[in-house]
Amino acid sequence: MSPTSLIGGHVSVTGGLATGGLKYMAEIGAEMAQVFVTNPRGWALAAGRPEEDAKLAESGVASFIHTPYLVNFGSPNPETLANSIAITRHTLLRGVATGSKGVVVHTGSAVSQSRDDALRQLHEHLLPLLEEIPDDGPDLLLEPMAGQGAMLCATVQDLEPYLAALDWHPKAGVCLDTCHAFAAGHDLASPDGVRETFDALHAIAPGRLKLVHANDSKDVCGSKKDRHENIGAGHIGAQPFGELMRHPAVAGVPICIETPGKAEQNRADIELLKKLRDS
């Protein structure tokens, strides 16, 4: 029998990383949690409160940390690159302190430089951070984007050159966002869409999928627009999420919602996913 995937969400940490986060988890019925440990729209290296980090580690909860949205290892801007290195290193250290299983990072954009130059930059600046992670520390989870602009990684196939630029480092994992994948052209709503997408992911990066962001999409397949919708209320629909959780590549992989709304809607999305998982 395949291991069961824990279902949870990105949680509010108002009142403390562990104190507030665990309370919100209980409120929405989450079995795992994703958190920010710094301002998601800034570069400040928030030290946090060591007692809260320790409390989260001691809780035994399967937790993940998301780096700020500004991180871009493909940027030609030296300041953006330096800040990306600093805050990713900082977040990985907080991941060690909190006992987190993974630190999620967006795969970024080449912006105005060539894709080859951006991938060389990844090799030079992101690979050393992977080398710094202790064996029992969190994996760095690469999250492909929706495909707008000069994004380095959007489709599952884009992961191959991206991981190659990181020398297929064992600490480089994958976080697949269903809304991003759908926007990038993977038609998860079609009869074979889920199977084809996750078969391809397994063929390219076997065993590297460590987290799924479960989000429906406000926009149609191939839109290249990253606009999340509640489960079953968008263009993907509810059924593909059940198929996803039955795919061998997703066995035991935590499922995390990042859907619109507050606690009540978060709870409804998690309850729906649990029903799809357990049916």
C-alpha atoms as a PDB file:
ATOM      1  CA  MET A   1       0.000   0.000   0.000  1.00  0.00           C
ATOM      2  CA  SER A   2       1.358   3.443  -0.957  1.00  0.00           C
ATOM      3  CA  PRO A   3       2.253   5.873   1.843  1.00  0.00           C
ATOM      4  CA  THR A   4      -0.413   8.518   2.495  1.00  0.00           C
ATOM      5  CA  SER A   5       0.240  12.147   1.584  1.00  0.00           C
ATOM      6  CA  LEU A   6      -0.214  14.651   4.403  1.00  0.00           C
ATOM      7  CA  ILE A   7      -2.539  17.502   3.441  1.00  0.00           C
ATOM      8  CA  GLY A   8      -2.127  21.009   4.821  1.00  0.00           C
ATOM      9  CA  GLY A   9      -1.493  24.567   3.801  1.00  0.00           C
ATOM     10  CA  HIS A  10       0.481  27.748   4.035  1.00  0.00           C
ATOM     11  CA  VAL A  11      -0.307  28.939   7.557  1.00  0.00           C
ATOM     12  CA  SER A  12      -0.481  32.252   9.359  1.00  0.00           C
ATOM     13  CA  VAL A  13       2.246  32.640  11.992  1.00  0.00           C
ATOM     14  CA  THR A  14       0.699  35.612  13.788  1.00  0.00           C
ATOM     15  CA  GLY A  15       1.536  35.118  17.464  1.00  0.00           C
ATOM     16  CA  GLY A  16       4.775  33.257  16.786  1.00  0.00           C
ATOM     17  CA  LEU A  17       6.176  30.857  14.206  1.00  0.00           C
ATOM     18  CA  ALA A  18       5.202  27.776  16.223  1.00  0.00           C
ATOM     19  CA  THR A  19       2.585  29.173  18.623  1.00  0.00           C
ATOM     20  CA  GLY A  20       0.610  30.927  15.885  1.00  0.00           C
ATOM     21  CA  GLY A  21       1.420  28.425  13.150  1.00  0.00           C
ATOM     22  CA  LEU A  22       0.333  25.343  15.116  1.00  0.00           C
ATOM     23  CA  LYS A  23      -2.849  27.134  16.237  1.00  0.00           C
ATOM     24  CA  TYR A  24      -3.723  27.993  12.623  1.00  0.00           C
ATOM     25  CA  MET A  25      -2.972  24.421  11.543  1.00  0.00           C
ATOM     26  CA  ALA A  26      -5.503  23.133  14.066  1.00  0.00           C
ATOM     27  CA  GLU A  27      -8.049  25.715  12.943  1.00  0.00           C
ATOM     28  CA  ILE A  28      -7.935  24.593   9.289  1.00  0.00           C
ATOM     29  CA  GLY A  29      -7.391  20.864   9.873  1.00  0.00           C
ATOM     30  CA  ALA A  30      -3.897  20.861   8.377  1.00  0.00           C
ATOM     31  CA  GLU A  31      -1.645  17.799   8.664  1.00  0.00           C
ATOM     32  CA  MET A  32       1.457  19.692   7.469  1.00  0.00           C
ATOM     33  CA  ALA A  33       2.427  23.344   7.203  1.00  0.00           C
ATOM     34  CA  GLN A  34       4.325  25.802   5.041  1.00  0.00           C
ATOM     35  CA  VAL A  35       5.468  29.115   6.543  1.00  0.00           C
ATOM     36  CA  PHE A  36       7.379  32.272   5.787  1.00  0.00           C
ATOM     37  CA  VAL A  37      10.164  33.085   8.260  1.00  0.00           C
ATOM     38  CA  THR A  38      10.868  36.496   6.704  1.00  0.00           C
ATOM     39  CA  ASN A  39       8.821  39.167   4.926  1.00  0.00           C
ATOM     40  CA  PRO A  40       7.822  37.452   1.640  1.00  0.00           C
ATOM     41  CA  ARG A  41       8.146  40.743  -0.242  1.00  0.00           C
ATOM     42  CA  GLY A  42      11.412  42.011   1.248  1.00  0.00           C
ATOM     43  CA  TRP A  43      15.079  41.190   1.761  1.00  0.00           C
ATOM     44  CA  ALA A  44      15.317  41.584   5.564  1.00  0.00           C
ATOM     45  CA  LEU A  45      17.037  38.634   7.273  1.00  0.00           C
ATOM     46  CA  ALA A  46      14.568  38.194  10.151  1.00  0.00           C
ATOM     47  CA  ALA A  47      16.306  36.468  13.048  1.00  0.00           C
ATOM     48  CA  GLY A  48      13.058  35.117  14.450  1.00  0.00           C
ATOM     49  CA  ARG A  49      12.729  33.858  18.014  1.00  0.00           C
ATOM     50  CA  PRO A  50      14.921  30.836  18.806  1.00  0.00           C
ATOM     51  CA  GLU A  51      12.357  29.443  21.255  1.00  0.00           C
ATOM     52  CA  GLU A  52       9.684  29.479  18.527  1.00  0.00           C
ATOM     53  CA  ASP A  53      12.029  27.792  16.026  1.00  0.00           C
ATOM     54  CA  ALA A  54      12.818  25.120  18.614  1.00  0.00           C
ATOM     55  CA  LYS A  55       9.137  24.662  19.471  1.00  0.00           C
ATOM     56  CA  LEU A  56       8.307  24.055  15.806  1.00  0.00           C
ATOM     57  CA  ALA A  57      11.155  21.549  15.520  1.00  0.00           C
ATOM     58  CA  GLU A  58      10.023  19.740  18.674  1.00  0.00           C
ATOM     59  CA  SER A  59       6.383  19.607  17.528  1.00  0.00           C
ATOM     60  CA  GLY A  60       7.215  16.909  14.988  1.00  0.00           C
ATOM     61  CA  VAL A  61       5.023  18.654  12.400  1.00  0.00           C
ATOM     62  CA  ALA A  62       6.082  18.199   8.776  1.00  0.00           C
ATOM     63  CA  SER A  63       6.974  21.799   7.956  1.00  0.00           C
ATOM     64  CA  PHE A  64       8.342  23.638   4.939  1.00  0.00           C
ATOM     65  CA  ILE A  65       9.601  27.214   4.541  1.00  0.00           C
ATOM     66  CA  HIS A  66       8.995  29.373   1.483  1.00  0.00           C
ATOM     67  CA  THR A  67      11.696  31.897   0.560  1.00  0.00           C
ATOM     68  CA  PRO A  68      10.624  35.449  -0.366  1.00  0.00           C
ATOM     69  CA  TYR A  69       9.123  36.040  -3.811  1.00  0.00           C
ATOM     70  CA  LEU A  70      11.966  38.396  -4.791  1.00  0.00           C
ATOM     71  CA  VAL A  71      14.600  35.631  -4.910  1.00  0.00           C
ATOM     72  CA  ASN A  72      16.000  35.220  -8.424  1.00  0.00           C
ATOM     73  CA  PHE A  73      19.272  33.390  -9.051  1.00  0.00           C
ATOM     74  CA  GLY A  74      18.939  34.076 -12.786  1.00  0.00           C
ATOM     75  CA  SER A  75      18.882  37.855 -12.432  1.00  0.00           C
ATOM     76  CA  PRO A  76      21.579  39.894 -14.227  1.00  0.00           C
ATOM     77  CA  ASN A  77      21.267  42.533 -11.467  1.00  0.00           C
ATOM     78  CA  PRO A  78      24.223  42.011  -9.068  1.00  0.00           C
ATOM     79  CA  GLU A  79      22.251  43.412  -6.123  1.00  0.00           C
ATOM     80  CA  THR A  80      19.308  41.053  -6.707  1.00  0.00           C
ATOM     81  CA  LEU A  81      21.702  38.119  -7.007  1.00  0.00           C
ATOM     82  CA  ALA A  82      23.590  39.035  -3.814  1.00  0.00           C
ATOM     83  CA  ASN A  83      20.328  39.468  -1.900  1.00  0.00           C
ATOM     84  CA  SER A  84      19.010  36.156  -3.275  1.00  0.00           C
ATOM     85  CA  ILE A  85      22.119  34.341  -2.049  1.00  0.00           C
ATOM     86  CA  ALA A  86      21.964  35.966   1.402  1.00  0.00           C
ATOM     87  CA  ILE A  87      18.277  35.358   2.062  1.00  0.00           C
ATOM     88  CA  THR A  88      18.289  31.793   0.708  1.00  0.00           C
ATOM     89  CA  ARG A  89      21.273  30.924   2.921  1.00  0.00           C
ATOM     90  CA  HIS A  90      19.487  32.561   5.878  1.00  0.00           C
ATOM     91  CA  THR A  91      16.251  30.650   5.160  1.00  0.00           C
ATOM     92  CA  LEU A  92      18.100  27.338   4.884  1.00  0.00           C
ATOM     93  CA  LEU A  93      19.673  27.994   8.308  1.00  0.00           C
ATOM     94  CA  ARG A  94      16.217  28.718   9.735  1.00  0.00           C
ATOM     95  CA  GLY A  95      15.095  25.485   8.071  1.00  0.00           C
ATOM     96  CA  VAL A  96      17.740  23.605  10.052  1.00  0.00           C
ATOM     97  CA  ALA A  97      16.674  25.352  13.294  1.00  0.00           C
ATOM     98  CA  THR A  98      12.974  24.579  12.751  1.00  0.00           C
ATOM     99  CA  GLY A  99      13.503  20.989  11.640  1.00  0.00           C
ATOM    100  CA  SER A 100      11.851  21.779   8.316  1.00  0.00           C
ATOM    101  CA  LYS A 101      11.826  19.157   5.568  1.00  0.00           C
ATOM    102  CA  GLY A 102      12.329  21.619   2.738  1.00  0.00           C
ATOM    103  CA  VAL A 103      12.912  25.233   1.745  1.00  0.00           C
ATOM    104  CA  VAL A 104      10.958  26.259  -1.352  1.00  0.00           C
ATOM    105  CA  VAL A 105      12.571  28.637  -3.850  1.00  0.00           C
ATOM    106  CA  HIS A 106      11.117  29.962  -7.097  1.00  0.00           C
ATOM    107  CA  THR A 107      13.215  28.936 -10.088  1.00  0.00           C
ATOM    108  CA  GLY A 108      13.521  32.522 -11.322  1.00  0.00           C
ATOM    109  CA  SER A 109      13.973  34.364 -14.588  1.00  0.00           C
ATOM    110  CA  ALA A 110      16.859  35.251 -16.889  1.00  0.00           C
ATOM    111  CA  VAL A 111      15.249  38.735 -17.199  1.00  0.00           C
ATOM    112  CA  SER A 112      17.400  40.450 -19.873  1.00  0.00           C
ATOM    113  CA  GLN A 113      20.314  38.012 -20.137  1.00  0.00           C
ATOM    114  CA  SER A 114      20.509  34.771 -22.088  1.00  0.00           C
ATOM    115  CA  ARG A 115      19.161  31.538 -20.660  1.00  0.00           C
ATOM    116  CA  ASP A 116      22.638  29.972 -20.879  1.00  0.00           C
ATOM    117  CA  ASP A 117      24.184  32.819 -18.893  1.00  0.00           C
ATOM    118  CA  ALA A 118      21.439  32.537 -16.267  1.00  0.00           C
ATOM    119  CA  LEU A 119      21.991  28.778 -15.932  1.00  0.00           C
ATOM    120  CA  ARG A 120      25.750  29.343 -15.563  1.00  0.00           C
ATOM    121  CA  GLN A 121      24.917  31.818 -12.812  1.00  0.00           C
ATOM    122  CA  LEU A 122      22.853  29.134 -11.048  1.00  0.00           C
ATOM    123  CA  HIS A 123      25.818  26.773 -11.168  1.00  0.00           C
ATOM    124  CA  GLU A 124      28.118  29.431  -9.742  1.00  0.00           C
ATOM    125  CA  HIS A 125      25.898  30.799  -6.973  1.00  0.00           C
ATOM    126  CA  LEU A 126      23.132  28.322  -6.073  1.00  0.00           C
ATOM    127  CA  LEU A 127      25.170  25.111  -6.173  1.00  0.00           C
ATOM    128  CA  PRO A 128      27.482  26.305  -3.316  1.00  0.00           C
ATOM    129  CA  LEU A 129      24.406  26.855  -1.110  1.00  0.00           C
ATOM    130  CA  LEU A 130      23.326  23.257  -1.729  1.00  0.00           C
ATOM    131  CA  GLU A 131      26.803  22.141  -0.668  1.00  0.00           C
ATOM    132  CA  GLU A 132      26.380  24.000   2.644  1.00  0.00           C
ATOM    133  CA  ILE A 133      23.229  22.120   3.680  1.00  0.00           C
ATOM    134  CA  PRO A 134      23.968  19.479   6.354  1.00  0.00           C
ATOM    135  CA  ASP A 135      22.992  15.892   5.529  1.00  0.00           C
ATOM    136  CA  ASP A 136      20.093  16.051   7.990  1.00  0.00           C
ATOM    137  CA  GLY A 137      19.074  19.560   6.892  1.00  0.00           C
ATOM    138  CA  PRO A 138      16.194  20.545   4.618  1.00  0.00           C
ATOM    139  CA  ASP A 139      16.188  19.954   0.881  1.00  0.00           C
ATOM    140  CA  LEU A 140      16.088  23.030  -1.352  1.00  0.00           C
ATOM    141  CA  LEU A 141      12.888  22.602  -3.361  1.00  0.00           C
ATOM    142  CA  LEU A 142      12.829  24.162  -6.821  1.00  0.00           C
ATOM    143  CA  GLU A 143       9.386  25.499  -7.758  1.00  0.00           C
ATOM    144  CA  PRO A 144       8.807  25.931 -11.522  1.00  0.00           C
ATOM    145  CA  MET A 145       6.851  29.047 -12.468  1.00  0.00           C
ATOM    146  CA  ALA A 146       3.842  29.762 -14.709  1.00  0.00           C
ATOM    147  CA  GLY A 147       5.986  30.543 -17.772  1.00  0.00           C
ATOM    148  CA  GLN A 148       5.591  34.292 -18.170  1.00  0.00           C
ATOM    149  CA  GLY A 149       8.511  36.343 -19.526  1.00  0.00           C
ATOM    150  CA  ALA A 150      12.001  34.830 -19.450  1.00  0.00           C
ATOM    151  CA  MET A 151      11.267  32.246 -16.748  1.00  0.00           C
ATOM    152  CA  LEU A 152      14.025  29.633 -16.508  1.00  0.00           C
ATOM    153  CA  CYS A 153      11.739  26.805 -15.508  1.00  0.00           C
ATOM    154  CA  ALA A 154       7.999  26.422 -16.132  1.00  0.00           C
ATOM    155  CA  THR A 155       7.274  23.024 -17.682  1.00  0.00           C
ATOM    156  CA  VAL A 156       8.357  19.763 -16.093  1.00  0.00           C
ATOM    157  CA  GLN A 157      10.790  19.353 -19.022  1.00  0.00           C
ATOM    158  CA  ASP A 158      12.514  22.628 -18.047  1.00  0.00           C
ATOM    159  CA  LEU A 159      13.643  20.968 -14.821  1.00  0.00           C
ATOM    160  CA  GLU A 160      16.189  18.835 -16.705  1.00  0.00           C
ATOM    161  CA  PRO A 161      18.609  21.649 -17.716  1.00  0.00           C
ATOM    162  CA  TYR A 162      17.940  23.435 -14.411  1.00  0.00           C
ATOM    163  CA  LEU A 163      18.919  20.410 -12.319  1.00  0.00           C
ATOM    164  CA  ALA A 164      21.840  19.744 -14.668  1.00  0.00           C
ATOM    165  CA  ALA A 165      23.123  23.273 -13.933  1.00  0.00           C
ATOM    166  CA  LEU A 166      23.110  22.235 -10.258  1.00  0.00           C
ATOM    167  CA  ASP A 167      25.027  19.021 -11.042  1.00  0.00           C
ATOM    168  CA  TRP A 168      21.955  17.012  -9.990  1.00  0.00           C
ATOM    169  CA  HIS A 169      22.893  17.755  -6.392  1.00  0.00           C
ATOM    170  CA  PRO A 170      21.165  15.327  -3.982  1.00  0.00           C
ATOM    171  CA  LYS A 171      19.790  18.219  -1.904  1.00  0.00           C
ATOM    172  CA  ALA A 172      18.008  19.743  -4.937  1.00  0.00           C
ATOM    173  CA  GLY A 173      14.379  18.640  -4.805  1.00  0.00           C
ATOM    174  CA  VAL A 174      11.200  19.752  -6.578  1.00  0.00           C
ATOM    175  CA  CYS A 175       8.041  21.505  -5.433  1.00  0.00           C
ATOM    176  CA  LEU A 176       5.395  21.262  -8.152  1.00  0.00           C
ATOM    177  CA  ASP A 177       2.616  23.889  -8.127  1.00  0.00           C
ATOM    178  CA  THR A 178      -0.480  22.665  -9.976  1.00  0.00           C
ATOM    179  CA  CYS A 179      -1.596  26.170 -10.974  1.00  0.00           C
ATOM    180  CA  HIS A 180       1.874  26.989 -12.335  1.00  0.00           C
ATOM    181  CA  ALA A 181       2.070  23.690 -14.245  1.00  0.00           C
ATOM    182  CA  PHE A 182      -1.407  24.239 -15.735  1.00  0.00           C
ATOM    183  CA  ALA A 183      -0.554  27.820 -16.702  1.00  0.00           C
ATOM    184  CA  ALA A 184       2.688  26.592 -18.305  1.00  0.00           C
ATOM    185  CA  GLY A 185       0.744  24.182 -20.546  1.00  0.00           C
ATOM    186  CA  HIS A 186       0.380  20.911 -18.631  1.00  0.00           C
ATOM    187  CA  ASP A 187      -3.344  20.223 -19.078  1.00  0.00           C
ATOM    188  CA  LEU A 188      -4.087  18.593 -15.740  1.00  0.00           C
ATOM    189  CA  ALA A 189      -7.827  18.814 -16.483  1.00  0.00           C
ATOM    190  CA  SER A 190      -7.611  16.538 -19.550  1.00  0.00           C
ATOM    191  CA  PRO A 191      -8.252  12.778 -19.127  1.00  0.00           C
ATOM    192  CA  ASP A 192      -4.546  11.840 -19.183  1.00  0.00           C
ATOM    193  CA  GLY A 193      -3.108  15.184 -18.103  1.00  0.00           C
ATOM    194  CA  VAL A 194      -2.186  14.288 -14.525  1.00  0.00           C
ATOM    195  CA  ARG A 195      -0.673  10.935 -15.466  1.00  0.00           C
ATOM    196  CA  GLU A 196       1.364  12.386 -18.349  1.00  0.00           C
ATOM    197  CA  THR A 197       2.662  15.296 -16.228  1.00  0.00           C
ATOM    198  CA  PHE A 198       3.769  13.195 -13.283  1.00  0.00           C
ATOM    199  CA  ASP A 199       5.097  10.377 -15.485  1.00  0.00           C
ATOM    200  CA  ALA A 200       7.294  12.994 -17.189  1.00  0.00           C
ATOM    201  CA  LEU A 201       8.415  14.408 -13.849  1.00  0.00           C
ATOM    202  CA  HIS A 202       9.323  10.952 -12.581  1.00  0.00           C
ATOM    203  CA  ALA A 203      11.229  10.158 -15.788  1.00  0.00           C
ATOM    204  CA  ILE A 204      13.291  13.371 -15.529  1.00  0.00           C
ATOM    205  CA  ALA A 205      13.789  13.649 -11.778  1.00  0.00           C
ATOM    206  CA  PRO A 206      12.871  10.362 -10.068  1.00  0.00           C
ATOM    207  CA  GLY A 207      12.418  10.682  -6.326  1.00  0.00           C
ATOM    208  CA  ARG A 208      12.984  14.440  -6.286  1.00  0.00           C
ATOM    209  CA  LEU A 209       9.347  15.524  -5.836  1.00  0.00           C
ATOM    210  CA  LYS A 210       9.152  16.506  -2.146  1.00  0.00           C
ATOM    211  CA  LEU A 211       6.122  18.846  -2.041  1.00  0.00           C
ATOM    212  CA  VAL A 212       3.038  19.639  -4.130  1.00  0.00           C
ATOM    213  CA  HIS A 213       1.388  23.065  -4.028  1.00  0.00           C
ATOM    214  CA  ALA A 214      -2.264  22.208  -4.674  1.00  0.00           C
ATOM    215  CA  ASN A 215      -3.923  25.224  -6.274  1.00  0.00           C
ATOM    216  CA  ASP A 216      -6.722  25.436  -8.815  1.00  0.00           C
ATOM    217  CA  SER A 217      -6.352  28.041 -11.586  1.00  0.00           C
ATOM    218  CA  LYS A 218      -8.426  31.136 -12.334  1.00  0.00           C
ATOM    219  CA  ASP A 219      -7.113  31.029 -15.904  1.00  0.00           C
ATOM    220  CA  VAL A 220      -7.129  28.480 -18.727  1.00  0.00           C
ATOM    221  CA  CYS A 221      -4.372  25.983 -19.487  1.00  0.00           C
ATOM    222  CA  GLY A 222      -1.355  27.611 -21.151  1.00  0.00           C
ATOM    223  CA  SER A 223      -2.350  31.116 -19.987  1.00  0.00           C
ATOM    224  CA  LYS A 224       1.071  31.702 -18.386  1.00  0.00           C
ATOM    225  CA  LYS A 225      -0.842  33.509 -15.610  1.00  0.00           C
ATOM    226  CA  ASP A 226      -0.186  32.635 -11.965  1.00  0.00           C
ATOM    227  CA  ARG A 227      -3.602  33.192 -10.390  1.00  0.00           C
ATOM    228  CA  HIS A 228      -4.621  30.634  -7.779  1.00  0.00           C
ATOM    229  CA  GLU A 229      -8.219  29.535  -7.226  1.00  0.00           C
ATOM    230  CA  ASN A 230      -9.906  27.418  -4.564  1.00  0.00           C
ATOM    231  CA  ILE A 231      -9.918  23.657  -5.185  1.00  0.00           C
ATOM    232  CA  GLY A 232     -12.638  22.718  -7.666  1.00  0.00           C
ATOM    233  CA  ALA A 233     -13.582  26.337  -8.388  1.00  0.00           C
ATOM    234  CA  GLY A 234     -11.121  26.893 -11.246  1.00  0.00           C
ATOM    235  CA  HIS A 235     -10.237  25.517 -14.666  1.00  0.00           C
ATOM    236  CA  ILE A 236      -8.452  22.438 -13.289  1.00  0.00           C
ATOM    237  CA  GLY A 237     -11.454  21.213 -11.283  1.00  0.00           C
ATOM    238  CA  ALA A 238     -11.527  18.887  -8.269  1.00  0.00           C
ATOM    239  CA  GLN A 239     -11.138  15.457  -9.892  1.00  0.00           C
ATOM    240  CA  PRO A 240      -7.524  15.884 -11.106  1.00  0.00           C
ATOM    241  CA  PHE A 241      -6.388  16.482  -7.525  1.00  0.00           C
ATOM    242  CA  GLY A 242      -7.695  13.029  -6.585  1.00  0.00           C
ATOM    243  CA  GLU A 243      -5.870  11.524  -9.577  1.00  0.00           C
ATOM    244  CA  LEU A 244      -2.719  13.380  -8.568  1.00  0.00           C
ATOM    245  CA  MET A 245      -2.735  11.885  -5.073  1.00  0.00           C
ATOM    246  CA  ARG A 246      -3.075   8.390  -6.553  1.00  0.00           C
ATOM    247  CA  HIS A 247      -0.068   8.780  -8.857  1.00  0.00           C
ATOM    248  CA  PRO A 248       2.963   6.729  -7.700  1.00  0.00           C
ATOM    249  CA  ALA A 249       5.280   9.746  -7.970  1.00  0.00           C
ATOM    250  CA  VAL A 250       3.152  11.577  -5.368  1.00  0.00           C
ATOM    251  CA  ALA A 251       2.920   8.682  -2.881  1.00  0.00           C
ATOM    252  CA  GLY A 252       3.775  10.061   0.563  1.00  0.00           C
ATOM    253  CA  VAL A 253       4.541  13.547  -0.802  1.00  0.00           C
ATOM    254  CA  PRO A 254       2.924  16.328   1.310  1.00  0.00           C
ATOM    255  CA  ILE A 255       0.180  18.391  -0.371  1.00  0.00           C
ATOM    256  CA  CYS A 256       0.016  22.091   0.527  1.00  0.00           C
ATOM    257  CA  ILE A 257      -2.727  24.540  -0.475  1.00  0.00           C
ATOM    258  CA  GLU A 258      -1.963  28.189  -1.272  1.00  0.00           C
ATOM    259  CA  THR A 259      -5.541  29.043  -2.216  1.00  0.00           C
ATOM    260  CA  PRO A 260      -7.446  32.331  -1.747  1.00  0.00           C
ATOM    261  CA  GLY A 261      -9.349  33.221   1.394  1.00  0.00           C
ATOM    262  CA  LYS A 262      -8.962  33.002   5.133  1.00  0.00           C
ATOM    263  CA  ALA A 263      -9.285  30.110   7.594  1.00  0.00           C
ATOM    264  CA  GLU A 264     -12.820  29.056   6.639  1.00  0.00           C
ATOM    265  CA  GLN A 265     -11.959  28.678   2.932  1.00  0.00           C
ATOM    266  CA  ASN A 266      -8.599  27.085   3.764  1.00  0.00           C
ATOM    267  CA  ARG A 267     -10.401  24.507   5.886  1.00  0.00           C
ATOM    268  CA  ALA A 268     -12.928  23.782   3.102  1.00  0.00           C
ATOM    269  CA  ASP A 269     -10.135  23.242   0.540  1.00  0.00           C
ATOM    270  CA  ILE A 270      -8.255  20.908   2.888  1.00  0.00           C
ATOM    271  CA  GLU A 271     -11.437  18.946   3.692  1.00  0.00           C
ATOM    272  CA  LEU A 272     -12.140  18.517  -0.027  1.00  0.00           C
ATOM    273  CA  LEU A 273      -8.600  17.282  -0.697  1.00  0.00           C
ATOM    274  CA  LYS A 274      -8.853  14.823   2.205  1.00  0.00           C
ATOM    275  CA  LYS A 275     -12.104  13.435   0.754  1.00  0.00           C
ATOM    276  CA  LEU A 276     -10.440  13.037  -2.653  1.00  0.00           C
ATOM    277  CA  ARG A 277      -7.419  11.356  -1.041  1.00  0.00           C
ATOM    278  CA  ASP A 278      -9.464   8.976   1.081  1.00  0.00           C
ATOM    279  CA  SER A 279     -12.124   8.072  -1.480  1.00  0.00           C
END
